[in-house]
Amino acid sequence: MITYSVNREHCLFTTTQLLGIYFHVKSHSEEKDQIISELFDTKGIYDRFTDYKPYLSIAQEVEQKPD
């Protein structure tokens, strides 16, 4: 599948990476054009924003019993 996408000059990224891009551009708007260029220039797997931990966390819900 990756070879197929590279041959067709597709940029592959996950929705989690897209969320990371959104949050990054929201707080670093001066980098927006650079990131857009990277996305259009990438053929195959986009390798930035692969670590979700800076912008996502797993919250544990605590069930409270009524008094």
Protein backbone atom coordinates (compact mmCIF):
# COMPACT_ATOMS: atom_id res chain seq x y z
CA MET A 1 0.00 0.00 0.00
CA ILE A 2 2.83 2.41 0.79
CA THR A 3 4.47 1.76 -2.58
CA TYR A 4 1.13 2.40 -4.28
CA SER A 5 0.76 5.73 -2.46
CA VAL A 6 4.37 6.80 -3.07
CA ASN A 7 4.01 6.05 -6.79
CA ARG A 8 0.93 8.28 -6.89
CA GLU A 9 2.61 10.96 -4.77
CA HIS A 10 0.14 10.67 -1.89
CA CYS A 11 0.93 11.92 1.60
CA LEU A 12 -0.12 9.41 4.26
CA PHE A 13 -0.94 10.52 7.80
CA THR A 14 -3.32 9.53 10.55
CA THR A 15 -6.21 11.50 11.96
CA THR A 16 -4.23 11.71 15.21
CA GLN A 17 -1.40 13.39 13.32
CA LEU A 18 -3.95 15.74 11.75
CA LEU A 19 -5.18 16.64 15.24
CA GLY A 20 -1.58 17.31 16.27
CA ILE A 21 -1.10 19.58 13.25
CA TYR A 22 -4.29 21.45 14.17
CA PHE A 23 -3.18 22.09 17.76
CA HIS A 24 0.35 22.99 16.67
CA VAL A 25 -0.80 25.51 14.06
CA LYS A 26 -3.32 26.94 16.51
CA SER A 27 -0.48 27.87 18.88
CA HIS A 28 2.26 28.45 16.24
CA SER A 29 0.44 30.13 13.37
CA GLU A 30 3.71 31.34 11.86
CA GLU A 31 4.52 27.70 10.92
CA LYS A 32 1.26 27.09 9.04
CA ASP A 33 2.67 27.64 5.54
CA GLN A 34 5.70 25.46 6.27
CA ILE A 35 3.51 22.56 7.43
CA ILE A 36 1.20 22.90 4.43
CA SER A 37 4.23 22.76 2.14
CA GLU A 38 5.54 19.68 3.96
CA LEU A 39 2.20 17.92 3.48
CA PHE A 40 2.10 18.69 -0.25
CA ASP A 41 5.78 17.75 -0.72
CA THR A 42 5.63 14.46 1.21
CA LYS A 43 5.30 11.32 -0.87
CA GLY A 44 4.46 8.39 1.39
CA ILE A 45 4.37 8.49 5.17
CA TYR A 46 4.36 11.90 6.85
CA ASP A 47 6.76 11.53 9.77
CA ARG A 48 5.94 14.54 11.93
CA PHE A 49 3.41 14.68 14.78
CA THR A 50 3.62 10.93 15.38
CA ASP A 51 3.84 11.32 19.17
CA TYR A 52 0.35 12.09 20.44
CA LYS A 53 1.37 12.60 24.10
CA PRO A 54 2.00 16.36 23.89
CA TYR A 55 -1.65 17.01 22.96
CA LEU A 56 -3.64 13.94 24.07
CA SER A 57 -3.90 12.17 27.38
CA ILE A 58 -5.96 9.33 28.76
CA ALA A 59 -8.22 10.43 31.56
CA GLN A 60 -9.51 7.94 34.07
CA GLU A 61 -13.10 8.32 35.08
CA VAL A 62 -13.90 7.75 38.72
CA GLU A 63 -17.38 6.52 39.43
CA GLN A 64 -18.85 8.20 42.47
CA LYS A 65 -21.66 6.53 44.35
CA PRO A 66 -24.54 8.75 45.44
CA ASP A 67 -24.67 9.43 49.18
